C-alpha atoms as a PDB file:
ATOM      1  CA  VAL A   1      80.902 107.289 104.074  1.00  0.00           C
ATOM      2  CA  GLY A   2      79.291 107.530 100.312  1.00  0.00           C
ATOM      3  CA  SER A   3      81.945 109.094  98.378  1.00  0.00           C
ATOM      4  CA  GLU A   4      84.596 107.179 100.695  1.00  0.00           C
ATOM      5  CA  MET A   5      83.190 103.846  98.758  1.00  0.00           C
ATOM      6  CA  CYS A   6      83.198 105.414  95.081  1.00  0.00           C
ATOM      7  CA  ILE A   7      86.903 105.873  96.024  1.00  0.00           C
ATOM      8  CA  ARG A   8      87.642 102.299  97.235  1.00  0.00           C
ATOM      9  CA  ASP A   9      86.095 100.681  94.548  1.00  0.00           C
ATOM     10  CA  SER A  10      88.088 102.035  92.077  1.00  0.00           C
ATOM     11  CA  MET A  11      91.109 101.669  94.023  1.00  0.00           C
ATOM     12  CA  LYS A  12      93.883 100.071  91.562  1.00  0.00           C
ATOM     13  CA  ARG A  13      95.936  97.922  93.376  1.00  0.00           C
ATOM     14  CA  VAL A  14      99.447  97.314  92.090  1.00  0.00           C
ATOM     15  CA  TYR A  15     101.518  94.559  94.433  1.00  0.00           C
ATOM     16  CA  LEU A  16     104.903  93.828  93.544  1.00  0.00           C
ATOM     17  CA  PHE A  17     106.922  90.263  94.398  1.00  0.00           C
ATOM     18  CA  CYS A  18     110.118  89.072  94.275  1.00  0.00           C
ATOM     19  CA  ASP A  19     112.195  86.681  96.564  1.00  0.00           C
ATOM     20  CA  ASN A  20     111.317  87.909  99.999  1.00  0.00           C
ATOM     21  CA  GLY A  21     109.556  91.621  99.632  1.00  0.00           C
ATOM     22  CA  MET A  22     112.621  93.505 100.965  1.00  0.00           C
ATOM     23  CA  SER A  23     113.846  95.609  98.420  1.00  0.00           C
ATOM     24  CA  THR A  24     110.454  96.065  97.359  1.00  0.00           C
ATOM     25  CA  SER A  25     108.711  96.581 100.158  1.00  0.00           C
ATOM     26  CA  MET A  26     111.043  99.663 100.079  1.00  0.00           C
ATOM     27  CA  MET A  27     109.957 100.736  96.372  1.00  0.00           C
ATOM     28  CA  ALA A  28     106.240  99.919  96.676  1.00  0.00           C
ATOM     29  CA  GLN A  29     106.233 102.728  99.792  1.00  0.00           C
ATOM     30  CA  ARG A  30     107.923 105.271  97.452  1.00  0.00           C
ATOM     31  CA  MET A  31     105.191 104.130  94.450  1.00  0.00           C
ATOM     32  CA  GLN A  32     102.667 104.478  97.159  1.00  0.00           C
ATOM     33  CA  ASP A  33     104.053 108.073  98.554  1.00  0.00           C
ATOM     34  CA  VAL A  34     104.264 109.255  94.612  1.00  0.00           C
ATOM     35  CA  ALA A  35     100.278 107.856  94.185  1.00  0.00           C
ATOM     36  CA  ASP A  36      99.338 109.505  97.803  1.00  0.00           C
ATOM     37  CA  SER A  37     100.696 112.552  96.434  1.00  0.00           C
ATOM     38  CA  HIS A  38      98.621 112.741  93.286  1.00  0.00           C
ATOM     39  CA  ASN A  39      95.510 111.903  95.072  1.00  0.00           C
ATOM     40  CA  LEU A  40      95.861 108.477  92.790  1.00  0.00           C
ATOM     41  CA  PRO A  41      93.382 105.516  93.955  1.00  0.00           C
ATOM     42  CA  ILE A  42      96.397 102.973  93.646  1.00  0.00           C
ATOM     43  CA  GLU A  43      97.278 100.786  96.606  1.00  0.00           C
ATOM     44  CA  CYS A  44     101.076  99.350  96.561  1.00  0.00           C
ATOM     45  CA  LYS A  45     102.398  96.120  98.314  1.00  0.00           C
ATOM     46  CA  ALA A  46     104.886  93.971  98.198  1.00  0.00           C
ATOM     47  CA  PHE A  47     105.222  90.276  98.765  1.00  0.00           C
ATOM     48  CA  SER A  48     107.335  87.154  98.270  1.00  0.00           C
ATOM     49  CA  TYR A  49     106.324  85.509  94.867  1.00  0.00           C
ATOM     50  CA  LYS A  50     105.805  82.620  97.476  1.00  0.00           C
ATOM     51  CA  ILE A  51     102.489  83.613  98.349  1.00  0.00           C
ATOM     52  CA  ILE A  52     101.577  85.035  94.733  1.00  0.00           C
ATOM     53  CA  GLN A  53      98.714  82.583  94.996  1.00  0.00           C
ATOM     54  CA  ASP A  54      97.232  83.464  98.316  1.00  0.00           C
ATOM     55  CA  ILE A  55      96.912  87.177  97.556  1.00  0.00           C
ATOM     56  CA  ILE A  56      95.708  86.611  93.814  1.00  0.00           C
ATOM     57  CA  GLU A  57      92.881  84.377  95.497  1.00  0.00           C
ATOM     58  CA  LYS A  58      92.089  86.377  98.111  1.00  0.00           C
ATOM     59  CA  ASN A  59      92.814  90.275  95.982  1.00  0.00           C
ATOM     60  CA  THR A  60      91.639  91.168  92.321  1.00  0.00           C
ATOM     61  CA  LEU A  61      94.907  92.889  90.969  1.00  0.00           C
ATOM     62  CA  ASP A  62      95.232  94.771  88.476  1.00  0.00           C
ATOM     63  CA  CYS A  63      99.597  95.321  88.199  1.00  0.00           C
ATOM     64  CA  ILE A  64     101.699  92.526  89.210  1.00  0.00           C
ATOM     65  CA  LEU A  65     105.494  93.835  89.318  1.00  0.00           C
ATOM     66  CA  ILE A  66     107.969  91.536  89.135  1.00  0.00           C
ATOM     67  CA  GLY A  67     110.803  92.449  90.877  1.00  0.00           C
ATOM     68  CA  PRO A  68     114.525  92.989  88.109  1.00  0.00           C
ATOM     69  CA  GLN A  69     116.102  89.683  90.384  1.00  0.00           C
ATOM     70  CA  THR A  70     113.090  87.642  90.115  1.00  0.00           C
ATOM     71  CA  LYS A  71     113.213  88.284  86.460  1.00  0.00           C
ATOM     72  CA  PHE A  72     112.841  84.473  85.916  1.00  0.00           C
ATOM     73  CA  LEU A  73     109.679  83.556  86.959  1.00  0.00           C
ATOM     74  CA  PHE A  74     107.753  86.304  84.987  1.00  0.00           C
ATOM     75  CA  ASP A  75     106.992  83.370  81.922  1.00  0.00           C
ATOM     76  CA  GLU A  76     105.242  81.279  84.634  1.00  0.00           C
ATOM     77  CA  ILE A  77     103.292  84.489  86.850  1.00  0.00           C
ATOM     78  CA  ASN A  78     102.134  85.667  82.754  1.00  0.00           C
ATOM     79  CA  LYS A  79     101.116  82.412  81.631  1.00  0.00           C
ATOM     80  CA  LYS A  80      99.167  81.765  85.394  1.00  0.00           C
ATOM     81  CA  TYR A  81      98.146  85.138  85.499  1.00  0.00           C
ATOM     82  CA  GLY A  82      98.422  87.656  82.563  1.00  0.00           C
ATOM     83  CA  ASP A  83      94.878  86.451  80.977  1.00  0.00           C
ATOM     84  CA  LYS A  84      93.274  88.072  83.837  1.00  0.00           C
ATOM     85  CA  THR A  85      96.074  91.142  84.925  1.00  0.00           C
ATOM     86  CA  PRO A  86      99.083  93.052  83.259  1.00  0.00           C
ATOM     87  CA  VAL A  87     102.523  91.423  84.548  1.00  0.00           C
ATOM     88  CA  MET A  88     105.909  93.217  84.067  1.00  0.00           C
ATOM     89  CA  VAL A  89     109.210  93.297  85.432  1.00  0.00           C
ATOM     90  CA  ILE A  90     110.520  96.172  86.823  1.00  0.00           C
ATOM     91  CA  ASP A  91     113.179  97.625  85.077  1.00  0.00           C
ATOM     92  CA  PRO A  92     116.510  96.337  86.630  1.00  0.00           C
ATOM     93  CA  THR A  93     117.716 100.588  86.300  1.00  0.00           C
ATOM     94  CA  ASP A  94     114.808 102.287  87.315  1.00  0.00           C
ATOM     95  CA  TYR A  95     114.806  99.530  90.251  1.00  0.00           C
ATOM     96  CA  GLY A  96     118.010 100.123  91.469  1.00  0.00           C
ATOM     97  CA  MET A  97     117.633 104.042  91.464  1.00  0.00           C
ATOM     98  CA  MET A  98     114.405 103.861  93.027  1.00  0.00           C
ATOM     99  CA  ASP A  99     112.662 105.783  91.261  1.00  0.00           C
ATOM    100  CA  ALA A 100     109.510 104.656  92.015  1.00  0.00           C
ATOM    101  CA  GLU A 101     107.838 107.637  89.533  1.00  0.00           C
ATOM    102  CA  LYS A 102     108.926 106.190  87.037  1.00  0.00           C
ATOM    103  CA  VAL A 103     107.803 102.682  87.905  1.00  0.00           C
ATOM    104  CA  LEU A 104     104.805 103.548  88.794  1.00  0.00           C
ATOM    105  CA  LYS A 105     104.350 105.332  85.168  1.00  0.00           C
ATOM    106  CA  LYS A 106     104.911 102.662  83.559  1.00  0.00           C
ATOM    107  CA  ALA A 107     102.436 100.544  85.380  1.00  0.00           C
ATOM    108  CA  ILE A 108      99.821 102.751  84.745  1.00  0.00           C
ATOM    109  CA  VAL A 109     100.839 102.899  80.767  1.00  0.00           C
ATOM    110  CA  GLN A 110     100.535  98.873  81.388  1.00  0.00           C
ATOM    111  CA  MET A 111      97.422  99.293  82.673  1.00  0.00           C
ATOM    112  CA  LYS A 112      95.969 101.513  80.253  1.00  0.00           C
ATOM    113  CA  LYS A 113      97.145  98.898  77.613  1.00  0.00           C
ATOM    114  CA  PHE A 114      95.796  96.044  78.776  1.00  0.00           C
ATOM    115  CA  LYS A 115      92.541  97.467  79.031  1.00  0.00           C
ATOM    116  CA  ASN A 116      92.068  98.542  75.881  1.00  0.00           C
ATOM    117  CA  LYS A 117      92.986  94.988  74.833  1.00  0.00           C
END
């Protein structure tokens, strides 16, 4: 149980937000599969941006990803949460190709850059 706690403590939450969370939930699942296959302590989930406030009040997020179809929300979300959490719009090409590995890598790079600010 001790080592399990340690893993949980270092778990990174990379949450995706879009209009209703349908297509991003497929991306989030694929990203989770990539993270699991590389034994990365990362949790990927997708939600509607309409409940972002509730999600952030209940969880400490390590990276906020915004679906390309809702990139117009970037400024608002970044202004509200960007001082505590890196906020990034998913590249439309990566999203269209459902390239979960590329999206996850970019999120990890973003988290590292943010941490070293």
